[in-house]
Amino acid sequence: MVLSLRTDKPDAEVGLHTGPRQLSYHVWHADRQLAKDILRVVHEQLIAQKADWPDITGVVVFEGPGSFTGLRIGITVANTVAYGQNIPIIASRGDNWLQTGLAKLHAGKDDRLVLPHYGSEAHITLPKK
């Protein structure tokens, strides 16, 4: 079972897939509650499929561009699940991010560690001292 995550905007997305078949796909208005809710939502989707965390065999995550904080939260969760269970992870972007990511995963690819793609340089205030 493959877990997919997209957290680049106020509406977050969690999906579960087996091969080309989508088992579940949940979209919710996470906004500023994303960090608090994401693991609970993933777990609820797993329970609805009569599955648990060890049943996840791969992760596909949207890498950006998008919300700085949203991407960091979603990608951290994706990396943690993949690392903790020693399963492959794929980062993907664009309109067909999910299909592209699932195809790469099923072809045996593994990014091992995903970093966010913000789409531009960060706007950071310079220190005053």
N, C-alpha and C. Protein backbone atom coordinates (compact mmCIF):
# COMPACT_ATOMS: atom_id res chain seq x y z
N MET A 1 0.85 -1.16 0.00
CA MET A 1 0.00 0.00 0.00
C MET A 1 0.91 1.24 0.00
N VAL A 2 0.59 2.19 -0.88
CA VAL A 2 1.38 3.41 -1.00
C VAL A 2 0.62 4.57 -0.37
N LEU A 3 1.33 5.35 0.44
CA LEU A 3 0.80 6.55 1.04
C LEU A 3 1.18 7.75 0.18
N SER A 4 0.21 8.61 -0.13
CA SER A 4 0.53 9.86 -0.84
C SER A 4 0.13 11.04 0.03
N LEU A 5 0.97 12.09 0.00
CA LEU A 5 0.74 13.29 0.79
C LEU A 5 0.94 14.54 -0.06
N ARG A 6 0.04 15.50 0.11
CA ARG A 6 0.20 16.81 -0.51
C ARG A 6 -0.20 17.87 0.52
N THR A 7 0.75 18.73 0.88
CA THR A 7 0.51 19.69 1.96
C THR A 7 1.00 21.09 1.60
N ASP A 8 0.93 21.45 0.34
CA ASP A 8 1.47 22.73 -0.12
C ASP A 8 0.49 23.89 -0.05
N LYS A 9 -0.74 23.63 0.33
CA LYS A 9 -1.78 24.67 0.35
C LYS A 9 -2.68 24.42 1.56
N PRO A 10 -3.62 25.31 1.87
CA PRO A 10 -4.46 25.12 3.05
C PRO A 10 -5.25 23.81 3.05
N ASP A 11 -5.64 23.30 1.88
CA ASP A 11 -6.33 22.01 1.81
C ASP A 11 -5.29 20.91 1.62
N ALA A 12 -5.13 20.06 2.62
CA ALA A 12 -4.16 18.97 2.56
C ALA A 12 -4.81 17.72 1.97
N GLU A 13 -3.98 16.83 1.42
CA GLU A 13 -4.47 15.61 0.77
C GLU A 13 -3.68 14.40 1.24
N VAL A 14 -4.40 13.34 1.58
CA VAL A 14 -3.80 12.07 1.98
C VAL A 14 -4.47 10.98 1.16
N GLY A 15 -3.67 10.13 0.53
CA GLY A 15 -4.22 9.04 -0.25
C GLY A 15 -3.56 7.72 0.07
N LEU A 16 -4.29 6.64 -0.18
CA LEU A 16 -3.75 5.29 -0.08
C LEU A 16 -4.02 4.59 -1.40
N HIS A 17 -2.99 3.91 -1.91
CA HIS A 17 -3.06 3.31 -3.25
C HIS A 17 -2.46 1.91 -3.24
N THR A 18 -3.03 1.05 -4.05
CA THR A 18 -2.46 -0.27 -4.30
C THR A 18 -2.31 -0.40 -5.80
N GLY A 19 -1.06 -0.49 -6.25
CA GLY A 19 -0.83 -0.50 -7.70
C GLY A 19 -1.43 0.75 -8.31
N PRO A 20 -2.14 0.62 -9.41
CA PRO A 20 -2.76 1.80 -10.02
C PRO A 20 -4.09 2.19 -9.38
N ARG A 21 -4.56 1.37 -8.45
CA ARG A 21 -5.88 1.59 -7.85
C ARG A 21 -5.81 2.49 -6.62
N GLN A 22 -6.67 3.48 -6.59
CA GLN A 22 -6.78 4.36 -5.43
C GLN A 22 -7.76 3.76 -4.44
N LEU A 23 -7.28 3.48 -3.23
CA LEU A 23 -8.13 2.91 -2.20
C LEU A 23 -8.91 3.99 -1.47
N SER A 24 -8.24 5.09 -1.16
CA SER A 24 -8.91 6.22 -0.50
C SER A 24 -8.13 7.49 -0.82
N TYR A 25 -8.84 8.60 -0.77
CA TYR A 25 -8.20 9.90 -0.97
C TYR A 25 -9.01 10.90 -0.17
N HIS A 26 -8.37 11.50 0.81
CA HIS A 26 -9.07 12.41 1.71
C HIS A 26 -8.46 13.81 1.61
N VAL A 27 -9.31 14.81 1.37
CA VAL A 27 -8.90 16.20 1.33
C VAL A 27 -9.61 16.91 2.48
N TRP A 28 -8.86 17.68 3.26
CA TRP A 28 -9.46 18.42 4.36
C TRP A 28 -8.78 19.78 4.48
N HIS A 29 -9.51 20.72 5.05
CA HIS A 29 -8.98 22.06 5.24
C HIS A 29 -8.10 22.05 6.50
N ALA A 30 -6.82 21.81 6.30
CA ALA A 30 -5.88 21.67 7.42
C ALA A 30 -5.39 23.03 7.90
N ASP A 31 -5.07 23.90 6.96
CA ASP A 31 -4.56 25.24 7.23
C ASP A 31 -3.55 25.20 8.37
N ARG A 32 -3.77 25.91 9.46
CA ARG A 32 -2.80 26.01 10.55
C ARG A 32 -2.86 24.82 11.52
N GLN A 33 -3.69 23.86 11.25
CA GLN A 33 -3.80 22.67 12.10
C GLN A 33 -3.10 21.46 11.48
N LEU A 34 -2.39 21.68 10.38
CA LEU A 34 -1.77 20.57 9.65
C LEU A 34 -0.87 19.72 10.53
N ALA A 35 0.05 20.32 11.25
CA ALA A 35 0.98 19.55 12.08
C ALA A 35 0.25 18.74 13.14
N LYS A 36 -0.82 19.30 13.67
CA LYS A 36 -1.60 18.62 14.70
C LYS A 36 -2.42 17.46 14.14
N ASP A 37 -2.92 17.61 12.91
CA ASP A 37 -3.90 16.66 12.37
C ASP A 37 -3.37 15.62 11.39
N ILE A 38 -2.23 15.83 10.77
CA ILE A 38 -1.84 14.99 9.63
C ILE A 38 -1.68 13.52 10.00
N LEU A 39 -1.02 13.21 11.11
CA LEU A 39 -0.84 11.80 11.47
C LEU A 39 -2.16 11.14 11.84
N ARG A 40 -3.04 11.88 12.50
CA ARG A 40 -4.36 11.34 12.83
C ARG A 40 -5.14 11.02 11.56
N VAL A 41 -5.10 11.93 10.57
CA VAL A 41 -5.84 11.72 9.33
C VAL A 41 -5.28 10.51 8.57
N VAL A 42 -3.96 10.39 8.51
CA VAL A 42 -3.37 9.21 7.84
C VAL A 42 -3.81 7.95 8.55
N HIS A 43 -3.75 7.95 9.87
CA HIS A 43 -4.15 6.76 10.64
C HIS A 43 -5.63 6.41 10.41
N GLU A 44 -6.48 7.42 10.37
CA GLU A 44 -7.91 7.18 10.10
C GLU A 44 -8.11 6.56 8.72
N GLN A 45 -7.35 7.01 7.73
CA GLN A 45 -7.46 6.43 6.39
C GLN A 45 -6.98 4.98 6.38
N LEU A 46 -5.93 4.71 7.13
CA LEU A 46 -5.45 3.33 7.24
C LEU A 46 -6.50 2.43 7.90
N ILE A 47 -7.08 2.90 8.99
CA ILE A 47 -8.10 2.12 9.69
C ILE A 47 -9.30 1.85 8.78
N ALA A 48 -9.69 2.84 7.99
CA ALA A 48 -10.82 2.66 7.07
C ALA A 48 -10.53 1.57 6.04
N GLN A 49 -9.26 1.31 5.76
CA GLN A 49 -8.87 0.26 4.82
C GLN A 49 -8.50 -1.04 5.55
N LYS A 50 -8.78 -1.07 6.86
CA LYS A 50 -8.42 -2.22 7.69
C LYS A 50 -6.91 -2.50 7.60
N ALA A 51 -6.14 -1.42 7.68
CA ALA A 51 -4.69 -1.50 7.58
C ALA A 51 -4.07 -0.73 8.73
N ASP A 52 -2.73 -0.82 8.84
CA ASP A 52 -2.00 -0.09 9.87
C ASP A 52 -0.67 0.35 9.26
N TRP A 53 0.11 1.10 10.02
CA TRP A 53 1.35 1.69 9.53
C TRP A 53 2.27 0.67 8.84
N PRO A 54 2.48 -0.53 9.37
CA PRO A 54 3.38 -1.48 8.70
C PRO A 54 2.91 -1.91 7.30
N ASP A 55 1.64 -1.66 6.97
CA ASP A 55 1.12 -2.02 5.65
C ASP A 55 1.55 -1.04 4.55
N ILE A 56 2.12 0.10 4.95
CA ILE A 56 2.59 1.07 3.96
C ILE A 56 3.92 0.58 3.40
N THR A 57 4.00 0.44 2.08
CA THR A 57 5.20 -0.09 1.43
C THR A 57 5.96 0.96 0.61
N GLY A 58 5.41 2.16 0.51
CA GLY A 58 6.06 3.25 -0.21
C GLY A 58 5.33 4.55 0.03
N VAL A 59 6.03 5.66 -0.23
CA VAL A 59 5.46 6.99 -0.01
C VAL A 59 5.73 7.86 -1.24
N VAL A 60 4.69 8.58 -1.68
CA VAL A 60 4.82 9.60 -2.72
C VAL A 60 4.38 10.91 -2.10
N VAL A 61 5.23 11.94 -2.22
CA VAL A 61 4.93 13.21 -1.60
C VAL A 61 5.11 14.35 -2.61
N PHE A 62 4.20 15.33 -2.55
CA PHE A 62 4.31 16.52 -3.39
C PHE A 62 5.43 17.38 -2.81
N GLU A 63 6.43 17.71 -3.65
CA GLU A 63 7.60 18.43 -3.15
C GLU A 63 7.52 19.95 -3.31
N GLY A 64 6.52 20.45 -4.00
CA GLY A 64 6.38 21.89 -4.16
C GLY A 64 6.30 22.29 -5.61
N PRO A 65 6.24 23.56 -5.87
CA PRO A 65 6.32 24.66 -4.92
C PRO A 65 5.01 24.84 -4.14
N GLY A 66 5.11 25.63 -3.09
CA GLY A 66 3.93 25.90 -2.29
C GLY A 66 4.29 26.49 -0.95
N SER A 67 3.38 26.38 -0.01
CA SER A 67 3.55 26.94 1.33
C SER A 67 4.82 26.40 1.99
N PHE A 68 5.65 27.31 2.46
CA PHE A 68 6.91 26.95 3.12
C PHE A 68 6.66 25.99 4.28
N THR A 69 5.78 26.38 5.19
CA THR A 69 5.52 25.57 6.38
C THR A 69 4.78 24.29 6.03
N GLY A 70 3.79 24.37 5.16
CA GLY A 70 3.04 23.18 4.76
C GLY A 70 3.94 22.13 4.12
N LEU A 71 4.83 22.55 3.23
CA LEU A 71 5.75 21.61 2.59
C LEU A 71 6.68 20.98 3.62
N ARG A 72 7.19 21.79 4.53
CA ARG A 72 8.10 21.24 5.55
C ARG A 72 7.40 20.19 6.41
N ILE A 73 6.17 20.45 6.80
CA ILE A 73 5.44 19.49 7.64
C ILE A 73 5.17 18.20 6.87
N GLY A 74 4.59 18.31 5.68
CA GLY A 74 4.25 17.12 4.90
C GLY A 74 5.46 16.29 4.52
N ILE A 75 6.53 16.96 4.11
CA ILE A 75 7.74 16.24 3.70
C ILE A 75 8.43 15.62 4.90
N THR A 76 8.38 16.27 6.04
CA THR A 76 8.95 15.67 7.26
C THR A 76 8.20 14.39 7.63
N VAL A 77 6.89 14.43 7.56
CA VAL A 77 6.09 13.22 7.85
C VAL A 77 6.42 12.13 6.84
N ALA A 78 6.47 12.48 5.57
CA ALA A 78 6.78 11.49 4.52
C ALA A 78 8.16 10.87 4.73
N ASN A 79 9.17 11.70 4.97
CA ASN A 79 10.52 11.19 5.21
C ASN A 79 10.57 10.31 6.44
N THR A 80 9.86 10.69 7.50
CA THR A 80 9.87 9.93 8.74
C THR A 80 9.23 8.55 8.55
N VAL A 81 8.10 8.51 7.87
CA VAL A 81 7.44 7.22 7.60
C VAL A 81 8.36 6.33 6.76
N ALA A 82 8.94 6.89 5.70
CA ALA A 82 9.80 6.10 4.82
C ALA A 82 11.05 5.60 5.55
N TYR A 83 11.69 6.48 6.29
CA TYR A 83 12.90 6.10 7.02
C TYR A 83 12.59 5.09 8.12
N GLY A 84 11.55 5.38 8.90
CA GLY A 84 11.20 4.53 10.02
C GLY A 84 10.82 3.12 9.62
N GLN A 85 10.26 2.97 8.44
CA GLN A 85 9.81 1.65 7.97
C GLN A 85 10.73 1.08 6.90
N ASN A 86 11.81 1.83 6.59
CA ASN A 86 12.78 1.40 5.58
C ASN A 86 12.09 1.06 4.25
N ILE A 87 11.26 2.02 3.78
CA ILE A 87 10.53 1.85 2.52
C ILE A 87 10.90 2.99 1.58
N PRO A 88 10.69 2.82 0.29
CA PRO A 88 11.05 3.87 -0.66
C PRO A 88 10.12 5.08 -0.59
N ILE A 89 10.70 6.23 -0.96
CA ILE A 89 9.96 7.48 -1.01
C ILE A 89 10.29 8.18 -2.33
N ILE A 90 9.26 8.79 -2.92
CA ILE A 90 9.42 9.52 -4.18
C ILE A 90 8.85 10.92 -3.99
N ALA A 91 9.61 11.92 -4.44
CA ALA A 91 9.14 13.30 -4.48
C ALA A 91 8.68 13.60 -5.89
N SER A 92 7.60 14.35 -6.00
CA SER A 92 7.07 14.66 -7.32
C SER A 92 6.43 16.03 -7.30
N ARG A 93 6.35 16.67 -8.48
CA ARG A 93 5.69 17.97 -8.60
C ARG A 93 4.99 18.08 -9.94
N GLY A 94 4.23 19.13 -10.10
CA GLY A 94 3.50 19.35 -11.35
C GLY A 94 2.07 18.86 -11.24
N ASP A 95 1.33 19.07 -12.32
CA ASP A 95 -0.09 18.71 -12.33
C ASP A 95 -0.33 17.21 -12.17
N ASN A 96 0.56 16.39 -12.71
CA ASN A 96 0.41 14.93 -12.63
C ASN A 96 1.36 14.33 -11.60
N TRP A 97 1.58 15.07 -10.50
CA TRP A 97 2.55 14.65 -9.50
C TRP A 97 2.28 13.24 -8.97
N LEU A 98 1.02 12.93 -8.72
CA LEU A 98 0.70 11.64 -8.12
C LEU A 98 0.95 10.49 -9.09
N GLN A 99 0.46 10.62 -10.31
CA GLN A 99 0.66 9.56 -11.31
C GLN A 99 2.14 9.36 -11.60
N THR A 100 2.89 10.48 -11.72
CA THR A 100 4.33 10.40 -11.97
C THR A 100 5.03 9.72 -10.81
N GLY A 101 4.70 10.13 -9.59
CA GLY A 101 5.32 9.55 -8.41
C GLY A 101 5.03 8.07 -8.25
N LEU A 102 3.77 7.69 -8.46
CA LEU A 102 3.41 6.26 -8.37
C LEU A 102 4.14 5.44 -9.42
N ALA A 103 4.26 5.97 -10.64
CA ALA A 103 4.96 5.25 -11.71
C ALA A 103 6.44 5.06 -11.35
N LYS A 104 7.07 6.09 -10.81
CA LYS A 104 8.48 5.98 -10.40
C LYS A 104 8.64 4.96 -9.28
N LEU A 105 7.74 5.01 -8.32
CA LEU A 105 7.79 4.08 -7.20
C LEU A 105 7.64 2.64 -7.69
N HIS A 106 6.68 2.41 -8.57
CA HIS A 106 6.45 1.06 -9.09
C HIS A 106 7.55 0.59 -10.03
N ALA A 107 8.35 1.55 -10.55
CA ALA A 107 9.50 1.20 -11.39
C ALA A 107 10.74 0.91 -10.54
N GLY A 108 10.60 0.98 -9.22
CA GLY A 108 11.70 0.65 -8.34
C GLY A 108 12.57 1.83 -7.93
N LYS A 109 12.17 3.04 -8.24
CA LYS A 109 12.96 4.22 -7.87
C LYS A 109 12.78 4.50 -6.37
N ASP A 110 13.77 5.21 -5.81
CA ASP A 110 13.72 5.59 -4.40
C ASP A 110 14.58 6.84 -4.23
N ASP A 111 13.96 7.96 -3.83
CA ASP A 111 14.71 9.19 -3.61
C ASP A 111 15.46 9.17 -2.27
N ARG A 112 15.15 8.24 -1.41
CA ARG A 112 15.76 8.03 -0.10
C ARG A 112 15.52 9.17 0.88
N LEU A 113 15.62 10.41 0.43
CA LEU A 113 15.37 11.57 1.27
C LEU A 113 14.81 12.68 0.38
N VAL A 114 13.72 13.27 0.79
CA VAL A 114 13.06 14.31 -0.01
C VAL A 114 13.29 15.67 0.64
N LEU A 115 13.62 16.64 -0.19
CA LEU A 115 13.74 18.03 0.25
C LEU A 115 12.68 18.85 -0.46
N PRO A 116 12.15 19.88 0.19
CA PRO A 116 11.11 20.71 -0.44
C PRO A 116 11.67 21.52 -1.61
N HIS A 117 10.83 21.74 -2.58
CA HIS A 117 11.14 22.64 -3.70
C HIS A 117 10.18 23.82 -3.55
N TYR A 118 10.72 24.96 -3.09
CA TYR A 118 9.87 26.11 -2.78
C TYR A 118 9.50 26.94 -4.00
N GLY A 119 10.23 26.83 -5.08
CA GLY A 119 9.91 27.57 -6.30
C GLY A 119 10.63 28.90 -6.41
N SER A 120 11.21 29.39 -5.32
CA SER A 120 11.99 30.63 -5.34
C SER A 120 12.83 30.68 -4.07
N GLU A 121 13.72 31.65 -4.04
CA GLU A 121 14.55 31.83 -2.86
C GLU A 121 13.69 32.29 -1.69
N ALA A 122 14.07 31.90 -0.50
CA ALA A 122 13.36 32.33 0.69
C ALA A 122 13.57 33.82 0.92
N HIS A 123 12.54 34.49 1.37
CA HIS A 123 12.63 35.92 1.71
C HIS A 123 12.92 36.02 3.20
N ILE A 124 14.21 36.10 3.52
CA ILE A 124 14.65 36.10 4.90
C ILE A 124 15.18 37.48 5.26
N THR A 125 14.75 38.00 6.38
CA THR A 125 15.23 39.29 6.85
C THR A 125 16.66 39.14 7.34
N LEU A 126 17.52 40.05 6.92
CA LEU A 126 18.92 40.00 7.35
C LEU A 126 19.05 40.41 8.82
N PRO A 127 19.98 39.81 9.54
CA PRO A 127 20.17 40.20 10.94
C PRO A 127 20.59 41.66 11.04
N LYS A 128 20.18 42.34 12.10
CA LYS A 128 20.49 43.75 12.28
C LYS A 128 21.88 43.97 12.86
N LYS A 129 22.46 42.93 13.44
CA LYS A 129 23.80 43.07 14.02
C LYS A 129 24.80 42.28 13.25
